[in-house]
Amino acid sequence: MCSRPEPTTTARVVPGQSRYDGGGRKAVRSWALSLGLPLVLALSACGGQAEEDTGGDAEDVALLHEAQLITFEGAELMPEGSEAGVYSELVTVRYSEQVRASTELDKPACLDAANRWADTESVKAAPASLTSYQWDQGSLTHLLVRLDDEGAAAALASRPPSDCDTYTATYEDGTSSAYGVRDLTELPELGDESRAFAVDVETGDDRNHMYSVMYRNGGLVGTTSIMGPGGIDDYEEMLVGFTRASVERQNEKLG
């Protein structure tokens, strides 16, 4: 049974630890580099929750967390794998920064290729909520960030450099991963506007895919992300349906 997300709390995860067998640390590290945020938390082992100081943003943070879905079509919220607070202070964001600082890319401009919008000061200081869901077909997460209408529109307009469709990352232990970033043009428009993309990661013999829908709902920016070994056809229905339901709940809870 899933409970409602606890507002203004954050899961104290141990970065690099995974509840999946084999390659967990490498998987978390790889997704931290490519995305900055969504998949790291979903793959991390979760500890107890603790209060996080959100300052004057406490009310906004609580409302954002309240606006997250509890369950959808077999995907059940994991409160212990979710966190909320100022974006730059999220556990997952801080871990991602550590990974990026110790990683070399053959194309340095491609760092955060799929997450470039989050590098702005307005996003870093914004209230945010990240929820993880237990789903038997893949790892599902949803990020929600509160901006103004202008900031949200600018976030959706951000794109990776044109030559970042492929790049290679080498980690401090000498291992490497090959990345591919591509648009998913077959998905419908969601929210006020949206874009969908895939990130493919190959590390040795391991291959995984992350499929994301990034959308704007007024001054809110949301990202629904699913990671798994399948193709987009395996996850499209969940990506679209979950995102539509998320927008409906935001409109209901936040007006």
C-alpha atoms as a PDB file:
ATOM      1  CA  MET A   1       0.000   0.000   0.000  1.00  0.00           C
ATOM      2  CA  CYS A   2       1.400   3.405  -0.988  1.00  0.00           C
ATOM      3  CA  SER A   3       1.003   6.453   1.163  1.00  0.00           C
ATOM      4  CA  ARG A   4       0.845  10.077   0.059  1.00  0.00           C
ATOM      5  CA  PRO A   5       4.241  11.730  -0.501  1.00  0.00           C
ATOM      6  CA  GLU A   6       5.502  13.442   2.632  1.00  0.00           C
ATOM      7  CA  PRO A   7       5.937  17.154   1.872  1.00  0.00           C
ATOM      8  CA  THR A   8       9.216  18.960   2.498  1.00  0.00           C
ATOM      9  CA  THR A   9      11.134  15.751   3.102  1.00  0.00           C
ATOM     10  CA  THR A  10      13.874  14.037   1.184  1.00  0.00           C
ATOM     11  CA  ALA A  11      14.972  10.424   0.991  1.00  0.00           C
ATOM     12  CA  ARG A  12      18.498  10.096   2.310  1.00  0.00           C
ATOM     13  CA  VAL A  13      19.805   7.763  -0.357  1.00  0.00           C
ATOM     14  CA  VAL A  14      23.290   6.343  -0.568  1.00  0.00           C
ATOM     15  CA  PRO A  15      24.558   7.410  -3.996  1.00  0.00           C
ATOM     16  CA  GLY A  16      25.756   4.567  -6.181  1.00  0.00           C
ATOM     17  CA  GLN A  17      23.940   1.801  -4.329  1.00  0.00           C
ATOM     18  CA  SER A  18      21.199  -0.002  -6.218  1.00  0.00           C
ATOM     19  CA  ARG A  19      18.389  -2.370  -5.371  1.00  0.00           C
ATOM     20  CA  TYR A  20      19.037  -4.183  -8.677  1.00  0.00           C
ATOM     21  CA  ASP A  21      21.490  -7.060  -8.951  1.00  0.00           C
ATOM     22  CA  GLY A  22      24.697  -6.506 -10.875  1.00  0.00           C
ATOM     23  CA  GLY A  23      26.081  -3.260 -12.228  1.00  0.00           C
ATOM     24  CA  GLY A  24      24.005  -1.091  -9.925  1.00  0.00           C
ATOM     25  CA  ARG A  25      26.723   1.418  -9.134  1.00  0.00           C
ATOM     26  CA  LYS A  26      27.662   1.803 -12.795  1.00  0.00           C
ATOM     27  CA  ALA A  27      24.027   2.208 -13.828  1.00  0.00           C
ATOM     28  CA  VAL A  28      23.423   4.971 -11.299  1.00  0.00           C
ATOM     29  CA  ARG A  29      26.629   6.712 -12.316  1.00  0.00           C
ATOM     30  CA  SER A  30      25.769   6.525 -16.016  1.00  0.00           C
ATOM     31  CA  TRP A  31      22.314   8.020 -15.611  1.00  0.00           C
ATOM     32  CA  ALA A  32      23.592  10.689 -13.236  1.00  0.00           C
ATOM     33  CA  LEU A  33      25.890  11.872 -15.981  1.00  0.00           C
ATOM     34  CA  SER A  34      23.344  11.879 -18.781  1.00  0.00           C
ATOM     35  CA  LEU A  35      20.328  13.252 -16.949  1.00  0.00           C
ATOM     36  CA  GLY A  36      21.467  14.969 -13.832  1.00  0.00           C
ATOM     37  CA  LEU A  37      18.341  13.872 -12.046  1.00  0.00           C
ATOM     38  CA  PRO A  38      15.479  11.502 -12.733  1.00  0.00           C
ATOM     39  CA  LEU A  39      16.930   8.007 -12.895  1.00  0.00           C
ATOM     40  CA  VAL A  40      19.494   8.233 -10.140  1.00  0.00           C
ATOM     41  CA  LEU A  41      16.964   8.282  -7.349  1.00  0.00           C
ATOM     42  CA  ALA A  42      14.895   5.490  -8.834  1.00  0.00           C
ATOM     43  CA  LEU A  43      17.957   3.232  -8.929  1.00  0.00           C
ATOM     44  CA  SER A  44      19.360   4.144  -5.529  1.00  0.00           C
ATOM     45  CA  ALA A  45      18.961   2.313  -2.266  1.00  0.00           C
ATOM     46  CA  CYS A  46      16.745   4.330   0.061  1.00  0.00           C
ATOM     47  CA  GLY A  47      17.294   5.174   3.680  1.00  0.00           C
ATOM     48  CA  GLY A  48      14.990   6.811   6.188  1.00  0.00           C
ATOM     49  CA  GLN A  49      13.488  10.166   5.415  1.00  0.00           C
ATOM     50  CA  ALA A  50      14.581  13.307   7.186  1.00  0.00           C
ATOM     51  CA  GLU A  51      13.390  16.876   7.318  1.00  0.00           C
ATOM     52  CA  GLU A  52      14.981  19.175   4.749  1.00  0.00           C
ATOM     53  CA  ASP A  53      15.254  22.905   5.283  1.00  0.00           C
ATOM     54  CA  THR A  54      13.391  24.552   2.406  1.00  0.00           C
ATOM     55  CA  GLY A  55      13.327  28.039   3.906  1.00  0.00           C
ATOM     56  CA  GLY A  56      10.654  30.303   2.489  1.00  0.00           C
ATOM     57  CA  ASP A  57       9.833  27.742  -0.208  1.00  0.00           C
ATOM     58  CA  ALA A  58       8.376  25.234   2.248  1.00  0.00           C
ATOM     59  CA  GLU A  59       4.769  25.899   1.262  1.00  0.00           C
ATOM     60  CA  ASP A  60       5.470  25.680  -2.467  1.00  0.00           C
ATOM     61  CA  VAL A  61       7.447  22.480  -1.971  1.00  0.00           C
ATOM     62  CA  ALA A  62       4.629  20.916   0.040  1.00  0.00           C
ATOM     63  CA  LEU A  63       2.050  21.833  -2.604  1.00  0.00           C
ATOM     64  CA  LEU A  64       4.199  20.425  -5.403  1.00  0.00           C
ATOM     65  CA  HIS A  65       4.653  17.150  -3.562  1.00  0.00           C
ATOM     66  CA  GLU A  66       0.923  17.006  -2.883  1.00  0.00           C
ATOM     67  CA  ALA A  67       0.302  17.383  -6.621  1.00  0.00           C
ATOM     68  CA  GLN A  68       2.240  14.220  -7.479  1.00  0.00           C
ATOM     69  CA  LEU A  69       0.371  11.057  -8.472  1.00  0.00           C
ATOM     70  CA  ILE A  70       0.042   8.322  -5.852  1.00  0.00           C
ATOM     71  CA  THR A  71      -0.596   5.499  -8.290  1.00  0.00           C
ATOM     72  CA  PHE A  72      -1.247   5.015 -11.996  1.00  0.00           C
ATOM     73  CA  GLU A  73      -1.959   1.858 -14.003  1.00  0.00           C
ATOM     74  CA  GLY A  74       0.138  -0.477 -11.853  1.00  0.00           C
ATOM     75  CA  ALA A  75       2.847   2.067 -10.998  1.00  0.00           C
ATOM     76  CA  GLU A  76       2.866   2.601  -7.232  1.00  0.00           C
ATOM     77  CA  LEU A  77       4.546   5.472  -5.436  1.00  0.00           C
ATOM     78  CA  MET A  78       7.625   4.669  -3.353  1.00  0.00           C
ATOM     79  CA  PRO A  79       7.703   7.349  -0.604  1.00  0.00           C
ATOM     80  CA  GLU A  80      11.132   6.137   0.532  1.00  0.00           C
ATOM     81  CA  GLY A  81      12.462   6.759  -3.003  1.00  0.00           C
ATOM     82  CA  SER A  82      11.139  10.292  -3.373  1.00  0.00           C
ATOM     83  CA  GLU A  83      12.312  13.719  -2.268  1.00  0.00           C
ATOM     84  CA  ALA A  84      11.311  17.366  -2.386  1.00  0.00           C
ATOM     85  CA  GLY A  85      12.971  20.709  -1.716  1.00  0.00           C
ATOM     86  CA  VAL A  86      14.940  23.403  -3.509  1.00  0.00           C
ATOM     87  CA  TYR A  87      16.152  21.849  -6.770  1.00  0.00           C
ATOM     88  CA  SER A  88      19.875  22.406  -6.234  1.00  0.00           C
ATOM     89  CA  GLU A  89      19.665  20.898  -2.731  1.00  0.00           C
ATOM     90  CA  LEU A  90      18.101  17.596  -3.775  1.00  0.00           C
ATOM     91  CA  VAL A  91      20.245  14.580  -2.891  1.00  0.00           C
ATOM     92  CA  THR A  92      20.112  13.371  -6.482  1.00  0.00           C
ATOM     93  CA  VAL A  93      21.247  16.687  -7.931  1.00  0.00           C
ATOM     94  CA  ARG A  94      24.214  16.904  -5.574  1.00  0.00           C
ATOM     95  CA  TYR A  95      25.308  13.361  -6.429  1.00  0.00           C
ATOM     96  CA  SER A  96      24.989  14.069 -10.152  1.00  0.00           C
ATOM     97  CA  GLU A  97      27.305  17.057  -9.784  1.00  0.00           C
ATOM     98  CA  GLN A  98      29.916  14.837  -8.119  1.00  0.00           C
ATOM     99  CA  VAL A  99      29.755  12.330 -10.970  1.00  0.00           C
ATOM    100  CA  ARG A 100      30.082  15.008 -13.642  1.00  0.00           C
ATOM    101  CA  ALA A 101      33.067  16.598 -11.909  1.00  0.00           C
ATOM    102  CA  SER A 102      35.010  13.311 -12.070  1.00  0.00           C
ATOM    103  CA  THR A 103      34.085  12.335 -15.642  1.00  0.00           C
ATOM    104  CA  GLU A 104      35.752  13.181 -18.962  1.00  0.00           C
ATOM    105  CA  LEU A 105      33.773  13.480 -22.204  1.00  0.00           C
ATOM    106  CA  ASP A 106      35.118  13.286 -25.733  1.00  0.00           C
ATOM    107  CA  LYS A 107      32.716  16.184 -26.439  1.00  0.00           C
ATOM    108  CA  PRO A 108      32.797  18.385 -23.292  1.00  0.00           C
ATOM    109  CA  ALA A 109      29.909  20.530 -24.545  1.00  0.00           C
ATOM    110  CA  CYS A 110      27.633  17.472 -24.290  1.00  0.00           C
ATOM    111  CA  LEU A 111      27.765  17.331 -20.494  1.00  0.00           C
ATOM    112  CA  ASP A 112      24.124  17.237 -19.352  1.00  0.00           C
ATOM    113  CA  ALA A 113      23.060  17.006 -22.989  1.00  0.00           C
ATOM    114  CA  ALA A 114      19.555  15.899 -22.038  1.00  0.00           C
ATOM    115  CA  ASN A 115      19.276  18.095 -18.955  1.00  0.00           C
ATOM    116  CA  ARG A 116      20.725  21.432 -20.056  1.00  0.00           C
ATOM    117  CA  TRP A 117      17.628  23.383 -19.007  1.00  0.00           C
ATOM    118  CA  ALA A 118      18.364  22.672 -15.341  1.00  0.00           C
ATOM    119  CA  ASP A 119      21.659  24.611 -15.328  1.00  0.00           C
ATOM    120  CA  THR A 120      19.972  28.016 -15.039  1.00  0.00           C
ATOM    121  CA  GLU A 121      19.964  29.880 -11.734  1.00  0.00           C
ATOM    122  CA  SER A 122      16.160  30.119 -11.761  1.00  0.00           C
ATOM    123  CA  VAL A 123      15.824  26.331 -11.883  1.00  0.00           C
ATOM    124  CA  LYS A 124      18.508  25.739  -9.264  1.00  0.00           C
ATOM    125  CA  ALA A 125      16.638  27.981  -6.803  1.00  0.00           C
ATOM    126  CA  ALA A 126      13.171  26.628  -7.652  1.00  0.00           C
ATOM    127  CA  PRO A 127      10.912  24.414  -5.507  1.00  0.00           C
ATOM    128  CA  ALA A 128      10.985  20.848  -6.824  1.00  0.00           C
ATOM    129  CA  SER A 129       9.492  17.434  -6.169  1.00  0.00           C
ATOM    130  CA  LEU A 130      10.819  14.112  -7.435  1.00  0.00           C
ATOM    131  CA  THR A 131       8.826  10.906  -7.046  1.00  0.00           C
ATOM    132  CA  SER A 132       9.758   7.312  -7.867  1.00  0.00           C
ATOM    133  CA  TYR A 133       7.328   4.528  -8.686  1.00  0.00           C
ATOM    134  CA  GLN A 134       7.500   0.761  -8.460  1.00  0.00           C
ATOM    135  CA  TRP A 135       6.476  -0.645 -11.840  1.00  0.00           C
ATOM    136  CA  ASP A 136       7.155  -4.147 -13.079  1.00  0.00           C
ATOM    137  CA  GLN A 137       8.130  -3.068 -16.596  1.00  0.00           C
ATOM    138  CA  GLY A 138      10.765  -0.443 -15.830  1.00  0.00           C
ATOM    139  CA  SER A 139      12.035   2.289 -13.541  1.00  0.00           C
ATOM    140  CA  LEU A 140       9.599   5.240 -13.501  1.00  0.00           C
ATOM    141  CA  THR A 141      10.221   8.704 -12.047  1.00  0.00           C
ATOM    142  CA  HIS A 142       8.482  12.065 -12.249  1.00  0.00           C
ATOM    143  CA  LEU A 143      10.097  15.448 -11.636  1.00  0.00           C
ATOM    144  CA  LEU A 144       8.076  18.610 -11.033  1.00  0.00           C
ATOM    145  CA  VAL A 145       9.644  22.094 -10.818  1.00  0.00           C
ATOM    146  CA  ARG A 146       7.851  25.381 -10.090  1.00  0.00           C
ATOM    147  CA  LEU A 147       8.965  28.298 -12.292  1.00  0.00           C
ATOM    148  CA  ASP A 148       7.180  31.316 -13.745  1.00  0.00           C
ATOM    149  CA  ASP A 149       5.598  31.084 -17.201  1.00  0.00           C
ATOM    150  CA  GLU A 150       8.610  32.676 -18.894  1.00  0.00           C
ATOM    151  CA  GLY A 151      11.101  30.415 -17.151  1.00  0.00           C
ATOM    152  CA  ALA A 152       9.055  27.316 -17.939  1.00  0.00           C
ATOM    153  CA  ALA A 153       8.839  28.247 -21.624  1.00  0.00           C
ATOM    154  CA  ALA A 154      12.608  28.838 -21.732  1.00  0.00           C
ATOM    155  CA  ALA A 155      13.226  25.427 -20.164  1.00  0.00           C
ATOM    156  CA  LEU A 156      11.171  23.707 -22.860  1.00  0.00           C
ATOM    157  CA  ALA A 157      13.017  25.617 -25.573  1.00  0.00           C
ATOM    158  CA  SER A 158      16.444  24.364 -24.441  1.00  0.00           C
ATOM    159  CA  ARG A 159      18.153  21.812 -26.675  1.00  0.00           C
ATOM    160  CA  PRO A 160      21.492  19.974 -26.595  1.00  0.00           C
ATOM    161  CA  PRO A 161      24.191  21.022 -29.083  1.00  0.00           C
ATOM    162  CA  SER A 162      23.636  19.565 -32.547  1.00  0.00           C
ATOM    163  CA  ASP A 163      26.646  17.228 -32.375  1.00  0.00           C
ATOM    164  CA  CYS A 164      25.574  15.626 -29.072  1.00  0.00           C
ATOM    165  CA  ASP A 165      23.556  12.863 -30.676  1.00  0.00           C
ATOM    166  CA  THR A 166      26.477  10.587 -29.736  1.00  0.00           C
ATOM    167  CA  TYR A 167      29.321  11.012 -27.249  1.00  0.00           C
ATOM    168  CA  THR A 168      31.549   8.961 -24.945  1.00  0.00           C
ATOM    169  CA  ALA A 169      32.188   9.377 -21.216  1.00  0.00           C
ATOM    170  CA  THR A 170      35.209   8.030 -19.345  1.00  0.00           C
ATOM    171  CA  TYR A 171      34.926   7.695 -15.566  1.00  0.00           C
ATOM    172  CA  GLU A 172      37.637   8.050 -12.964  1.00  0.00           C
ATOM    173  CA  ASP A 173      37.996   4.252 -12.656  1.00  0.00           C
ATOM    174  CA  GLY A 174      38.891   4.030 -16.356  1.00  0.00           C
ATOM    175  CA  THR A 175      35.625   2.503 -17.580  1.00  0.00           C
ATOM    176  CA  SER A 176      33.521   4.252 -20.198  1.00  0.00           C
ATOM    177  CA  SER A 177      30.004   4.496 -21.607  1.00  0.00           C
ATOM    178  CA  ALA A 178      28.739   5.406 -25.072  1.00  0.00           C
ATOM    179  CA  TYR A 179      25.707   7.722 -25.112  1.00  0.00           C
ATOM    180  CA  GLY A 180      23.144   8.474 -27.776  1.00  0.00           C
ATOM    181  CA  VAL A 181      20.475  11.191 -27.539  1.00  0.00           C
ATOM    182  CA  ARG A 182      17.552  11.266 -29.970  1.00  0.00           C
ATOM    183  CA  ASP A 183      14.158  12.910 -30.268  1.00  0.00           C
ATOM    184  CA  LEU A 184      10.960  10.878 -30.027  1.00  0.00           C
ATOM    185  CA  THR A 185       8.791  12.598 -32.599  1.00  0.00           C
ATOM    186  CA  GLU A 186       6.067   9.956 -32.563  1.00  0.00           C
ATOM    187  CA  LEU A 187       4.699  10.953 -29.142  1.00  0.00           C
ATOM    188  CA  PRO A 188       1.739  13.384 -28.965  1.00  0.00           C
ATOM    189  CA  GLU A 189       1.867  16.922 -27.578  1.00  0.00           C
ATOM    190  CA  LEU A 190       1.243  16.965 -23.829  1.00  0.00           C
ATOM    191  CA  GLY A 191       0.431  19.802 -21.428  1.00  0.00           C
ATOM    192  CA  ASP A 192       0.803  23.299 -22.883  1.00  0.00           C
ATOM    193  CA  GLU A 193       3.796  22.081 -24.876  1.00  0.00           C
ATOM    194  CA  SER A 194       6.177  19.148 -24.663  1.00  0.00           C
ATOM    195  CA  ARG A 195       9.125  17.372 -26.183  1.00  0.00           C
ATOM    196  CA  ALA A 196      10.132  13.734 -25.906  1.00  0.00           C
ATOM    197  CA  PHE A 197      13.562  12.183 -26.230  1.00  0.00           C
ATOM    198  CA  ALA A 198      15.528   9.002 -25.598  1.00  0.00           C
ATOM    199  CA  VAL A 199      18.961   8.490 -24.085  1.00  0.00           C
ATOM    200  CA  ASP A 200      20.697   5.219 -24.983  1.00  0.00           C
ATOM    201  CA  VAL A 201      23.618   4.090 -22.821  1.00  0.00           C
ATOM    202  CA  GLU A 202      26.038   1.275 -23.632  1.00  0.00           C
ATOM    203  CA  THR A 203      28.533   0.267 -20.951  1.00  0.00           C
ATOM    204  CA  GLY A 204      30.467  -2.854 -21.866  1.00  0.00           C
ATOM    205  CA  ASP A 205      27.853  -5.515 -22.599  1.00  0.00           C
ATOM    206  CA  ASP A 206      25.095  -3.618 -20.779  1.00  0.00           C
ATOM    207  CA  ARG A 207      22.585  -1.637 -22.831  1.00  0.00           C
ATOM    208  CA  ASN A 208      19.761   0.456 -21.416  1.00  0.00           C
ATOM    209  CA  HIS A 209      17.388   3.120 -22.659  1.00  0.00           C
ATOM    210  CA  MET A 210      15.783   6.075 -20.941  1.00  0.00           C
ATOM    211  CA  TYR A 211      12.647   7.571 -22.454  1.00  0.00           C
ATOM    212  CA  SER A 212      11.474  10.978 -21.250  1.00  0.00           C
ATOM    213  CA  VAL A 213       8.630  13.391 -21.839  1.00  0.00           C
ATOM    214  CA  MET A 214       9.396  16.947 -20.750  1.00  0.00           C
ATOM    215  CA  TYR A 215       6.338  19.206 -20.632  1.00  0.00           C
ATOM    216  CA  ARG A 216       5.113  22.616 -19.512  1.00  0.00           C
ATOM    217  CA  ASN A 217       1.880  23.169 -17.596  1.00  0.00           C
ATOM    218  CA  GLY A 218       1.688  26.925 -17.083  1.00  0.00           C
ATOM    219  CA  GLY A 219       4.651  27.779 -14.837  1.00  0.00           C
ATOM    220  CA  LEU A 220       5.321  24.128 -14.000  1.00  0.00           C
ATOM    221  CA  VAL A 221       7.916  22.005 -15.757  1.00  0.00           C
ATOM    222  CA  GLY A 222       7.517  18.265 -15.476  1.00  0.00           C
ATOM    223  CA  THR A 223       9.547  15.306 -16.689  1.00  0.00           C
ATOM    224  CA  THR A 224       8.251  11.740 -16.855  1.00  0.00           C
ATOM    225  CA  SER A 225      11.100   9.247 -17.324  1.00  0.00           C
ATOM    226  CA  ILE A 226      11.191   5.491 -17.774  1.00  0.00           C
ATOM    227  CA  MET A 227      14.347   3.389 -17.936  1.00  0.00           C
ATOM    228  CA  GLY A 228      14.399  -0.171 -19.193  1.00  0.00           C
ATOM    229  CA  PRO A 229      15.831  -2.538 -21.804  1.00  0.00           C
ATOM    230  CA  GLY A 230      12.822  -2.329 -24.161  1.00  0.00           C
ATOM    231  CA  GLY A 231      11.976  -0.086 -27.077  1.00  0.00           C
ATOM    232  CA  ILE A 232       9.732   2.959 -27.056  1.00  0.00           C
ATOM    233  CA  ASP A 233       6.754   0.799 -28.095  1.00  0.00           C
ATOM    234  CA  ASP A 234       7.023  -0.972 -24.730  1.00  0.00           C
ATOM    235  CA  TYR A 235       6.735   2.259 -22.745  1.00  0.00           C
ATOM    236  CA  GLU A 236       4.856   4.789 -24.875  1.00  0.00           C
ATOM    237  CA  GLU A 237       1.440   4.076 -23.377  1.00  0.00           C
ATOM    238  CA  MET A 238       2.714   4.552 -19.829  1.00  0.00           C
ATOM    239  CA  LEU A 239       4.734   7.676 -20.700  1.00  0.00           C
ATOM    240  CA  VAL A 240       1.777   9.392 -22.320  1.00  0.00           C
ATOM    241  CA  GLY A 241      -0.895   8.202 -19.895  1.00  0.00           C
ATOM    242  CA  PHE A 242       1.143   8.992 -16.771  1.00  0.00           C
ATOM    243  CA  THR A 243       1.988  12.480 -18.051  1.00  0.00           C
ATOM    244  CA  ARG A 244      -1.634  13.282 -18.905  1.00  0.00           C
ATOM    245  CA  ALA A 245      -2.782  12.085 -15.485  1.00  0.00           C
ATOM    246  CA  SER A 246      -0.035  14.153 -13.825  1.00  0.00           C
ATOM    247  CA  VAL A 247      -1.196  17.338 -15.581  1.00  0.00           C
ATOM    248  CA  GLU A 248      -4.795  16.639 -14.510  1.00  0.00           C
ATOM    249  CA  ARG A 249      -3.746  16.203 -10.880  1.00  0.00           C
ATOM    250  CA  GLN A 250      -1.676  19.404 -10.960  1.00  0.00           C
ATOM    251  CA  ASN A 251      -4.649  21.339 -12.286  1.00  0.00           C
ATOM    252  CA  GLU A 252      -6.830  19.832  -9.577  1.00  0.00           C
ATOM    253  CA  LYS A 253      -4.440  20.483  -6.675  1.00  0.00           C
ATOM    254  CA  LEU A 254      -2.705  23.664  -7.797  1.00  0.00           C
ATOM    255  CA  GLY A 255      -5.384  25.348  -9.914  1.00  0.00           C
END
